[in-house]
Protein backbone atom coordinates (compact mmCIF):
# COMPACT_ATOMS: atom_id res chain seq x y z
CA MET A 1 -35.05 -15.27 11.15
CA ALA A 2 -31.81 -17.16 11.66
CA GLY A 3 -31.27 -18.85 15.01
CA PRO A 4 -28.06 -18.59 17.03
CA ILE A 5 -24.85 -19.81 15.38
CA LEU A 6 -21.43 -19.90 17.02
CA HIS A 7 -18.50 -19.26 14.68
CA ARG A 8 -15.06 -20.41 15.82
CA ALA A 9 -11.64 -19.58 14.36
CA PRO A 10 -7.98 -19.61 15.44
CA TRP A 11 -8.15 -15.81 15.38
CA VAL A 12 -11.00 -13.32 15.65
CA VAL A 13 -10.20 -9.69 14.82
CA PRO A 14 -12.88 -7.45 16.33
CA VAL A 15 -10.91 -4.25 15.41
CA VAL A 16 -12.40 -2.42 18.43
CA ARG A 17 -10.27 -4.64 20.66
CA PRO A 18 -7.07 -6.69 20.15
CA PRO A 19 -7.23 -9.95 18.17
CA LEU A 20 -8.52 -12.97 20.08
CA ALA A 21 -6.71 -16.30 19.81
CA ASP A 22 -9.11 -19.25 19.57
CA GLY A 23 -12.00 -16.83 19.45
CA ALA A 24 -15.67 -17.05 18.58
CA VAL A 25 -18.53 -14.92 17.31
CA LEU A 26 -22.10 -15.64 18.37
CA ALA A 27 -24.67 -14.42 15.84
CA ALA A 28 -28.47 -14.59 15.88
CA GLY A 29 -31.38 -12.69 14.41
CA GLY A 30 -29.24 -10.89 11.86
CA ARG A 31 -26.91 -9.37 14.46
CA ILE A 32 -23.79 -10.28 16.39
CA GLN A 33 -24.69 -11.17 19.97
CA ALA A 34 -21.26 -11.72 21.50
CA VAL A 35 -17.56 -11.87 20.64
CA GLY A 36 -15.03 -13.53 22.90
CA PRO A 37 -12.86 -16.56 23.67
CA TRP A 38 -14.19 -19.85 22.35
CA ALA A 39 -14.16 -21.53 25.76
CA GLU A 40 -16.24 -18.72 27.25
CA LEU A 41 -18.89 -18.50 24.50
CA ALA A 42 -19.13 -22.27 23.98
CA ALA A 43 -19.97 -22.95 27.62
CA GLY A 44 -23.62 -23.92 27.73
CA PHE A 45 -24.19 -23.30 24.01
CA PHE A 46 -26.02 -26.16 22.27
CA GLY A 47 -26.74 -24.65 18.85
CA PRO A 48 -24.91 -25.12 15.55
CA VAL A 49 -21.19 -24.37 15.43
CA ARG A 50 -19.14 -23.43 12.39
CA ASP A 51 -15.40 -23.96 12.47
CA TYR A 52 -12.91 -22.02 10.34
CA PRO A 53 -9.67 -23.88 11.14
CA ASP A 54 -7.45 -22.05 8.62
CA GLN A 55 -9.18 -18.67 8.58
CA VAL A 56 -9.51 -15.44 10.51
CA LEU A 57 -12.88 -13.89 11.32
CA MET A 58 -12.96 -10.12 10.87
CA PRO A 59 -15.34 -7.35 9.77
CA GLY A 60 -15.97 -6.66 6.12
CA LEU A 61 -13.84 -3.91 4.63
CA VAL A 62 -15.19 -0.39 4.06
CA ASN A 63 -14.38 1.63 0.94
CA ALA A 64 -15.11 5.25 1.88
CA HIS A 65 -14.61 6.69 -1.61
CA GLY A 66 -15.11 5.26 -5.08
CA HIS A 67 -16.42 5.94 -8.57
CA LEU A 68 -17.72 2.71 -10.10
CA GLU A 69 -19.02 4.49 -13.21
CA LEU A 70 -15.41 5.22 -14.29
CA ALA A 71 -14.54 1.52 -14.67
CA GLY A 72 -14.94 1.86 -18.44
CA CYS A 73 -12.18 4.46 -18.67
CA THR A 74 -9.53 1.95 -17.69
CA ALA A 75 -11.02 -0.63 -20.04
CA LEU A 76 -10.43 1.83 -22.88
CA GLY A 77 -6.83 2.29 -21.84
CA GLN A 78 -7.31 6.05 -21.63
CA GLY A 79 -7.74 6.77 -17.93
CA ALA A 80 -4.18 6.97 -16.64
CA PRO A 81 -2.12 4.04 -18.00
CA GLN A 82 1.08 5.47 -16.52
CA PRO A 83 1.74 7.76 -13.56
CA ALA A 84 0.46 11.13 -14.74
CA ALA A 85 2.93 13.91 -15.51
CA THR A 86 0.62 16.29 -13.66
CA PHE A 87 -2.85 16.07 -12.20
CA VAL A 88 -4.20 18.29 -14.98
CA HIS A 89 -2.60 15.99 -17.55
CA TRP A 90 -4.51 13.09 -16.02
CA LEU A 91 -7.75 15.07 -15.99
CA ARG A 92 -7.44 15.69 -19.73
CA GLY A 93 -6.93 11.97 -20.33
CA LEU A 94 -9.86 11.06 -18.13
CA LEU A 95 -12.27 13.39 -19.92
CA ALA A 96 -11.10 12.11 -23.28
CA ALA A 97 -11.77 8.57 -22.12
CA ARG A 98 -15.24 9.45 -20.81
CA ALA A 99 -16.09 11.10 -24.11
CA LYS A 100 -15.02 7.96 -25.95
CA VAL A 101 -17.21 5.80 -23.71
CA GLY A 102 -20.23 7.88 -24.66
CA VAL A 103 -19.44 8.10 -28.37
CA GLU A 104 -18.66 4.43 -28.90
CA GLY A 105 -21.44 3.13 -26.69
CA THR A 106 -19.19 1.09 -24.43
CA ASP A 107 -21.15 -0.93 -21.88
CA TRP A 108 -20.00 1.25 -19.01
CA VAL A 109 -22.84 -0.01 -16.82
CA GLY A 110 -21.73 -3.62 -17.30
CA LEU A 111 -18.12 -2.70 -16.57
CA ALA A 112 -19.18 -0.82 -13.44
CA GLN A 113 -21.23 -3.80 -12.27
CA GLU A 114 -18.26 -6.09 -12.84
CA ALA A 115 -16.06 -3.72 -10.83
CA GLY A 116 -18.64 -3.75 -8.03
CA ARG A 117 -18.68 -7.54 -7.95
CA GLY A 118 -14.91 -7.47 -7.76
CA MET A 119 -15.05 -5.21 -4.73
CA VAL A 120 -17.40 -7.59 -2.92
CA ALA A 121 -15.18 -10.50 -3.93
CA ARG A 122 -12.23 -8.75 -2.26
CA GLY A 123 -14.09 -8.39 1.01
CA ILE A 124 -15.61 -4.92 0.69
CA GLY A 125 -19.13 -4.93 2.11
CA LEU A 126 -19.80 -1.24 2.70
CA ALA A 127 -18.83 1.56 0.32
CA LEU A 128 -19.66 5.10 -0.65
CA ASP A 129 -20.04 5.31 -4.43
CA THR A 130 -20.15 8.63 -6.25
CA GLY A 131 -20.87 9.48 -9.86
CA ASN A 132 -22.04 12.12 -12.31
CA ALA A 133 -24.85 10.07 -13.86
CA LEU A 134 -28.20 9.22 -12.26
CA ALA A 135 -27.94 5.89 -14.07
CA SER A 136 -25.09 5.03 -11.69
CA ALA A 137 -27.45 4.93 -8.71
CA GLY A 138 -27.87 1.34 -7.58
CA LEU A 139 -24.79 -0.03 -9.36
CA TRP A 140 -23.06 -0.85 -6.09
CA GLN A 141 -26.10 -2.07 -4.16
CA GLY A 142 -27.10 -4.19 -7.15
CA GLN A 143 -23.91 -6.22 -6.74
CA GLY A 144 -24.61 -7.09 -3.10
CA GLY A 145 -22.92 -4.11 -1.50
CA ALA A 146 -24.24 -1.76 1.16
CA GLY A 147 -23.82 2.00 1.29
CA PRO A 148 -25.07 5.12 -0.47
CA PHE A 149 -24.67 6.48 -3.97
CA LEU A 150 -24.00 10.22 -4.08
CA LEU A 151 -24.69 12.12 -7.28
CA GLU A 152 -21.76 14.44 -7.80
CA VAL A 153 -22.54 17.94 -9.06
CA TYR A 154 -20.25 20.72 -10.22
CA GLY A 155 -20.42 24.12 -11.87
CA LEU A 156 -17.88 26.90 -11.46
CA GLY A 157 -18.66 29.50 -14.10
CA ARG A 158 -22.04 31.24 -14.40
CA GLN A 159 -23.38 28.96 -17.14
CA SER A 160 -22.35 25.63 -15.58
CA LYS A 161 -23.42 26.78 -12.11
CA THR A 162 -26.85 27.80 -13.40
CA ALA A 163 -27.26 24.45 -15.15
CA ALA A 164 -26.42 22.61 -11.92
CA LEU A 165 -28.82 24.74 -9.88
CA GLN A 166 -31.61 24.11 -12.39
CA ALA A 167 -30.94 20.37 -12.29
CA LEU A 168 -31.14 20.36 -8.50
CA ALA A 169 -34.42 22.24 -8.66
CA ALA A 170 -36.14 20.36 -11.47
CA THR A 171 -34.32 17.27 -12.77
CA ILE A 172 -32.62 15.50 -9.89
CA PRO A 173 -35.14 13.72 -7.63
CA ALA A 174 -35.55 15.45 -4.27
CA SER A 175 -34.72 12.18 -2.49
CA GLN A 176 -31.46 11.61 -4.38
CA PRO A 177 -28.41 12.24 -2.19
CA VAL A 178 -26.02 14.66 -3.86
CA THR A 179 -22.54 15.93 -3.15
CA ALA A 180 -20.06 18.39 -4.63
CA HIS A 181 -17.07 17.44 -6.73
CA ALA A 182 -14.35 19.81 -5.48
CA PRO A 183 -13.79 23.44 -4.48
CA TYR A 184 -11.98 24.09 -7.77
CA SER A 185 -14.94 22.88 -9.87
CA THR A 186 -17.94 24.02 -7.82
CA ALA A 187 -19.01 27.60 -7.14
CA ALA A 188 -19.48 28.72 -3.54
CA GLU A 189 -23.24 29.14 -3.92
CA LEU A 190 -23.54 25.59 -5.23
CA LEU A 191 -21.28 24.19 -2.50
CA VAL A 192 -23.46 25.74 0.19
CA LEU A 193 -26.70 24.54 -1.40
CA VAL A 194 -25.46 20.96 -1.76
CA LYS A 195 -24.16 20.89 1.79
CA GLU A 196 -27.50 22.15 3.11
CA ARG A 197 -29.25 19.41 1.17
CA SER A 198 -26.94 16.74 2.61
CA ARG A 199 -27.68 17.98 6.12
CA ARG A 200 -31.40 17.89 5.43
CA LEU A 201 -31.37 14.37 3.97
CA GLY A 202 -28.86 13.09 6.53
CA HIS A 203 -26.21 11.67 4.20
CA PRO A 204 -22.45 12.34 3.99
CA PHE A 205 -21.09 15.36 2.14
CA SER A 206 -18.05 13.93 0.35
CA ILE A 207 -15.73 16.29 -1.51
CA HIS A 208 -12.33 16.01 -3.19
CA LEU A 209 -10.01 18.31 -1.27
CA ALA A 210 -6.33 19.25 -1.45
CA GLU A 211 -5.61 16.50 -3.95
CA SER A 212 -3.05 18.23 -6.18
CA PRO A 213 -0.61 21.18 -6.22
CA GLU A 214 -2.58 22.63 -9.15
CA GLU A 215 -5.69 22.82 -6.98
CA VAL A 216 -3.78 24.57 -4.22
CA GLU A 217 -2.39 27.12 -6.68
CA LEU A 218 -5.79 27.87 -8.18
CA LEU A 219 -7.44 28.50 -4.80
CA ALA A 220 -4.52 30.61 -3.61
CA THR A 221 -3.99 32.75 -6.72
CA GLY A 222 -6.71 32.04 -9.31
CA ARG A 223 -3.99 31.12 -11.78
CA GLY A 224 -1.93 28.15 -12.92
CA PRO A 225 -2.44 24.92 -14.89
CA MET A 226 -5.85 24.27 -13.31
CA GLN A 227 -7.12 27.67 -14.45
CA ASP A 228 -5.84 26.92 -17.96
CA PHE A 229 -7.63 23.57 -17.92
CA LEU A 230 -10.93 25.07 -16.75
CA ALA A 231 -10.68 27.72 -19.46
CA GLU A 232 -10.12 25.00 -22.08
CA ARG A 233 -13.29 23.28 -20.92
CA GLY A 234 -15.32 26.49 -21.04
CA PHE A 235 -15.83 26.52 -17.26
CA TRP A 236 -13.79 29.65 -16.58
CA ASP A 237 -15.51 32.96 -17.19
CA GLY A 238 -13.83 35.10 -14.55
CA SER A 239 -16.72 34.86 -12.09
CA PHE A 240 -14.81 32.64 -9.66
CA VAL A 241 -12.82 34.69 -7.16
CA ALA A 242 -9.93 32.75 -5.63
CA PRO A 243 -10.32 32.69 -1.83
CA GLY A 244 -6.58 33.17 -1.37
CA CYS A 245 -6.27 30.30 1.09
CA GLY A 246 -6.18 26.52 1.28
CA GLY A 247 -9.17 24.37 0.45
CA ALA A 248 -9.97 23.43 4.04
CA GLU A 249 -10.04 27.06 5.18
CA TYR A 250 -12.18 27.94 2.17
CA LEU A 251 -14.73 25.26 3.04
CA ASP A 252 -14.71 26.41 6.65
CA ARG A 253 -15.48 29.99 5.62
CA LEU A 254 -18.56 28.59 3.87
CA ASP A 255 -19.55 26.60 7.00
CA LEU A 256 -19.14 23.28 5.20
CA LEU A 257 -16.85 21.50 7.66
CA ASP A 258 -18.60 19.36 10.24
CA ARG A 259 -19.03 15.75 11.34
CA GLY A 260 -20.95 14.95 8.13
CA THR A 261 -18.20 16.13 5.77
CA ILE A 262 -15.72 13.67 4.23
CA CYS A 263 -12.62 15.32 2.78
CA VAL A 264 -11.15 12.96 0.19
CA HIS A 265 -7.41 12.68 -0.56
CA GLY A 266 -6.10 15.57 1.59
CA VAL A 267 -2.59 15.14 0.19
CA GLN A 268 -1.81 18.86 0.14
CA LEU A 269 -3.31 19.77 3.53
CA THR A 270 -1.09 21.93 5.72
CA GLY A 271 -0.66 21.37 9.43
CA ARG A 272 -2.97 24.30 10.13
CA GLU A 273 -5.65 22.82 7.86
CA ILE A 274 -5.33 19.42 9.50
CA ASP A 275 -5.91 21.02 12.90
CA LEU A 276 -8.91 22.85 11.46
CA LEU A 277 -10.47 19.59 10.22
CA ALA A 278 -9.93 18.07 13.65
CA GLN A 279 -11.53 21.05 15.38
CA ARG A 280 -14.59 20.80 13.15
CA ARG A 281 -14.65 16.98 13.54
CA ALA A 282 -14.66 16.58 9.78
CA GLY A 283 -13.78 13.22 8.24
CA ILE A 284 -10.82 12.41 6.03
CA CYS A 285 -10.52 9.61 3.47
CA LEU A 286 -7.11 8.67 2.08
CA CYS A 287 -6.59 6.98 -1.30
CA PRO A 288 -2.98 5.73 -1.36
CA GLY A 289 -3.25 3.80 -4.64
CA SER A 290 -4.80 6.66 -6.57
CA ASN A 291 -2.41 9.24 -5.14
CA ARG A 292 0.60 7.09 -6.01
CA ARG A 293 -0.55 6.52 -9.57
CA LEU A 294 -1.28 10.20 -10.14
CA GLY A 295 1.96 11.26 -8.50
CA VAL A 296 0.35 13.93 -6.32
CA GLY A 297 2.26 13.05 -3.14
CA LYS A 298 1.56 11.58 0.27
CA PRO A 299 -0.74 12.95 2.98
CA ARG A 300 0.65 14.06 6.33
CA LEU A 301 -0.71 11.03 8.10
CA ALA A 302 1.32 11.39 11.29
CA ALA A 303 0.02 14.93 11.74
CA MET A 304 -3.55 13.76 11.08
CA LEU A 305 -3.33 11.06 13.72
CA ALA A 306 -1.67 13.42 16.20
CA ALA A 307 -4.49 15.92 15.69
CA GLY A 308 -7.06 13.26 16.54
CA LEU A 309 -8.37 12.58 13.04
CA ALA A 310 -9.40 9.00 12.23
CA PRO A 311 -8.73 8.56 8.50
CA ALA A 312 -10.64 6.05 6.42
CA LEU A 313 -9.46 4.46 3.19
CA GLY A 314 -10.86 4.65 -0.33
CA THR A 315 -9.94 3.26 -3.71
CA ASP A 316 -11.07 6.18 -5.90
CA SER A 317 -11.69 4.78 -9.40
CA LEU A 318 -10.22 2.42 -11.96
CA ALA A 319 -9.35 5.53 -13.95
CA SER A 320 -6.83 6.47 -11.27
CA ASN A 321 -6.04 3.15 -9.59
CA ASP A 322 -4.95 -0.31 -10.61
CA ARG A 323 -7.54 -2.16 -8.50
CA LEU A 324 -10.49 -1.49 -6.24
CA CYS A 325 -8.94 -3.42 -3.38
CA LEU A 326 -8.70 -2.35 0.26
CA TRP A 327 -6.02 -4.99 1.00
CA ARG A 328 -3.81 -3.21 -1.50
CA GLU A 329 -4.66 0.23 -0.08
CA MET A 330 -3.62 -0.93 3.39
CA ALA A 331 -0.34 -2.33 2.09
CA LEU A 332 0.47 0.83 0.10
CA LEU A 333 -0.36 3.01 3.07
CA ARG A 334 2.06 1.06 5.23
CA GLN A 335 4.76 1.37 2.58
CA ASP A 336 4.25 5.13 2.43
CA HIS A 337 3.94 5.56 6.21
CA PRO A 338 6.04 2.91 8.00
CA GLY A 339 5.45 4.58 11.37
CA VAL A 340 1.73 3.80 11.45
CA THR A 341 0.76 0.64 13.34
CA PRO A 342 -1.01 -2.31 11.70
CA ALA A 343 -3.91 -1.90 14.15
CA GLN A 344 -4.37 1.72 13.05
CA VAL A 345 -4.37 0.67 9.40
CA LEU A 346 -6.95 -2.07 10.02
CA ALA A 347 -9.19 0.49 11.68
CA MET A 348 -8.84 2.78 8.64
CA ALA A 349 -10.10 0.00 6.37
CA THR A 350 -13.02 -0.95 8.62
CA GLU A 351 -14.22 0.95 11.68
CA ASN A 352 -13.16 4.46 10.60
CA GLY A 353 -14.90 4.15 7.25
CA ALA A 354 -18.08 2.82 8.83
CA ARG A 355 -18.15 5.83 11.14
CA LEU A 356 -17.73 8.29 8.27
CA LEU A 357 -20.64 6.65 6.45
CA GLY A 358 -22.81 6.71 9.56
CA GLN A 359 -22.86 2.91 9.73
CA ALA A 360 -20.72 2.18 12.78
CA GLY A 361 -23.66 0.48 14.46
CA SER A 362 -23.84 -2.14 11.69
CA TRP A 363 -20.43 -2.34 9.99
CA GLY A 364 -16.74 -1.90 10.64
CA SER A 365 -16.17 -4.11 13.68
CA LEU A 366 -17.12 -7.37 15.31
CA ALA A 367 -19.13 -6.36 18.36
CA PRO A 368 -22.61 -6.92 19.80
CA GLY A 369 -25.25 -5.26 17.66
CA ARG A 370 -23.29 -5.27 14.40
CA ARG A 371 -24.69 -7.04 11.35
CA ASP A 372 -23.85 -10.72 11.13
CA ARG A 373 -22.14 -10.25 7.75
CA PHE A 374 -18.42 -10.60 8.24
CA LEU A 375 -15.39 -12.18 6.63
CA ALA A 376 -13.54 -15.45 6.98
CA VAL A 377 -10.07 -14.66 5.64
CA SER A 378 -7.39 -17.19 4.79
CA CYS A 379 -4.50 -16.05 6.95
CA GLN A 380 -2.45 -17.92 9.53
CA ALA A 381 -0.21 -16.46 12.22
CA ALA A 382 1.39 -17.48 15.49
CA THR A 383 0.91 -14.16 17.28
CA ALA A 384 -1.49 -11.23 17.16
CA ALA A 385 1.29 -8.92 15.94
CA GLU A 386 2.15 -11.29 13.10
CA LEU A 387 -1.52 -11.57 12.19
CA GLU A 388 -2.12 -7.81 12.01
CA ASN A 389 1.05 -7.39 9.98
CA ARG A 390 -0.03 -10.00 7.42
CA LEU A 391 -3.53 -8.59 7.13
CA THR A 392 -2.17 -5.12 6.32
CA THR A 393 0.66 -6.01 3.92
CA ALA A 394 -1.12 -8.26 1.41
CA LEU A 395 -0.62 -6.27 -1.80
CA GLU A 396 -2.32 -8.94 -3.88
CA GLY A 397 -5.15 -9.39 -1.40
CA LEU A 398 -6.17 -12.34 0.73
CA PRO A 399 -8.68 -15.10 -0.14
CA CYS A 400 -11.89 -14.53 1.78
CA GLN A 401 -15.53 -15.52 1.96
CA TRP A 402 -18.58 -13.91 3.43
CA VAL A 403 -20.03 -15.60 6.49
CA LEU A 404 -23.81 -15.88 6.20
CA PRO A 405 -26.22 -16.34 9.08
CA SER A 406 -28.41 -19.26 8.09
CA PRO A 407 -27.18 -22.76 9.03
CA ALA A 408 -29.18 -24.10 6.10
CA GLU A 409 -26.99 -22.24 3.63
CA GLU A 410 -23.42 -22.95 2.73
CA ASP A 411 -21.04 -20.02 3.17
CA ARG A 412 -20.92 -18.36 -0.22
CA PRO A 413 -17.74 -17.03 -1.74
CA CYS A 414 -17.31 -13.27 -1.81
CA GLY A 415 -19.29 -11.81 -4.67
CA SER A 416 -22.60 -13.40 -3.73
CA ALA A 417 -25.41 -11.00 -2.91
CA TRP A 418 -26.92 -11.15 0.50
């Protein structure tokens, strides 16, 4: 087990407290022992010291929503090369791309692994990966990342719902964490069963919610472009009864909203629904890059923060986003919501995501007890305000490396497995 090491940098960004000028992080035994001013932590310390004269020490980034298995759709140029005319238009393109991947035997696993390595290289250490194929389990962890893989199930009409229920009973391993795709693609009975399973296994229940106007129309009226699309796919047989309300209220009627639920996107949430999520202490994950590319709008972030929600950030997939990069997501979020503070945005990309994934004791901040895997980021600033601004406006990302515990090892560049 690694002995104590003191890491010193011009700036340390704990996230749970303001940035520290000339700060230090003391790590030992795989965990952070102390974070504070260099002069205070160095007093009486006689172990090895690592200096980062041109870098900032901060927690690894947390991607609270992604789909690595869709990396091949962008490679085929069929995912969403331009901002989609409508969400349903994009869905048609996505499914066409996925079909082509299967028919032509594209190495989608290799592309997903490459995308995972890219995430680690951009400073993402913890992520929640979701996918429709059991073969996707382990793609993210295999590239050095931490965090769960959730198998996404769906089934709206009688036939597709029955197939999903049979798979849960006989095909999908009982230990495999599962989640539901969305309220417009998953029947109520299936939603409830999957949520009960997530509670039993103790993993997050992540669901796409209020992502597009078409979704809102379908749930409110049972009609519209989404209904047409589902009918085209053979998923609409008239058995789904529109709840006549928004997605958040619908999930609440089914007792699906609680601390373990992560509502992804939330672009179309009303003020009443935002308050409902806050009352139920449900989580929210925003995906600025994906929402911008799909043209579905912007979430009501100010209302979310005022209600007491603590949004996390996600990249979604390379079928709906240009890059799987949290630096870019922070910058886009600030462009879309200039009233939010840099400190709030940093928390969204770190601490808030770790909480949603149930990993706040290990990831998301620099504090005693957290894992001693954190970032050294190339970024210089004269003041704390300037530093936080630069960290949250780097559209192209910032060079970074993972800090490792053992003094016998050189710090590896991002992308190395731990």
